[in-house]
Amino acid sequence: MKVNRDLVVNDCIKKFPKTIGVFTKFSIDSCCGGAVPIEAAAKRDGADLDALLAALNKAASE
């Protein structure tokens, strides 16, 4: 499964635990703000969505 913009942050972390570091690096609130899709979290927290998704998919495949 590939990480995509519609996957909820908390679900991504549950399925791919190594992605927690990526969310931290991109300053995505994955604790209290993790119940939203990755796209919404990136917009909310000012992260580049394409770079975030690339980094998440890299971490998820490791």
Protein backbone atom coordinates (compact mmCIF):
# COMPACT_ATOMS: atom_id res chain seq x y z
CA MET A 1 0.00 0.00 0.00
CA LYS A 2 1.22 3.43 -0.88
CA VAL A 3 0.81 6.40 1.44
CA ASN A 4 -1.50 8.95 -0.18
CA ARG A 5 -2.95 12.37 0.64
CA ASP A 6 -6.27 10.89 1.82
CA LEU A 7 -4.79 8.57 4.45
CA VAL A 8 -5.44 9.81 7.99
CA VAL A 9 -2.22 10.73 9.84
CA ASN A 10 -2.92 8.40 12.79
CA ASP A 11 -3.77 5.51 10.46
CA CYS A 12 -0.54 6.06 8.55
CA ILE A 13 1.47 5.87 11.77
CA LYS A 14 -0.35 2.70 12.86
CA LYS A 15 0.28 0.98 9.51
CA PHE A 16 3.80 2.35 9.04
CA PRO A 17 5.40 3.14 12.43
CA LYS A 18 8.58 4.45 10.77
CA THR A 19 6.61 7.41 9.40
CA ILE A 20 6.37 9.09 12.82
CA GLY A 21 9.82 10.59 12.31
CA VAL A 22 8.78 12.02 8.95
CA PHE A 23 5.76 13.75 10.46
CA THR A 24 8.03 15.18 13.16
CA LYS A 25 10.58 16.38 10.59
CA PHE A 26 7.84 18.19 8.65
CA SER A 27 6.36 19.67 11.86
CA ILE A 28 3.07 17.83 11.40
CA ASP A 29 1.09 17.53 14.63
CA SER A 30 0.56 13.77 14.75
CA CYS A 31 -0.59 13.70 18.35
CA CYS A 32 -3.60 15.93 18.93
CA GLY A 33 -3.93 16.82 15.25
CA GLY A 34 -3.54 13.33 13.83
CA ALA A 35 -7.20 12.57 13.14
CA VAL A 36 -7.20 14.33 9.75
CA PRO A 37 -6.05 13.27 6.27
CA ILE A 38 -2.39 13.90 5.45
CA GLU A 39 -3.33 16.59 2.91
CA ALA A 40 -5.30 18.57 5.52
CA ALA A 41 -2.51 18.20 8.10
CA ALA A 42 0.09 19.44 5.61
CA LYS A 43 -2.01 22.46 4.74
CA ARG A 44 -2.74 23.20 8.41
CA ASP A 45 0.89 22.88 9.50
CA GLY A 46 2.49 24.51 6.44
CA ALA A 47 4.27 21.46 5.02
CA ASP A 48 4.97 20.81 1.32
CA LEU A 49 2.54 18.00 0.49
CA ASP A 50 4.55 16.46 -2.36
CA ALA A 51 7.78 16.38 -0.34
CA LEU A 52 5.92 15.00 2.66
CA LEU A 53 4.29 12.21 0.66
CA ALA A 54 7.62 11.28 -0.95
CA ALA A 55 9.31 11.09 2.46
CA LEU A 56 6.41 9.12 3.96
CA ASN A 57 6.45 6.57 1.14
CA LYS A 58 10.21 6.19 1.46
CA ALA A 59 9.91 5.55 5.21
CA ALA A 60 6.94 3.21 4.75
CA SER A 61 8.87 1.06 2.27
CA GLU A 62 11.87 0.61 4.59
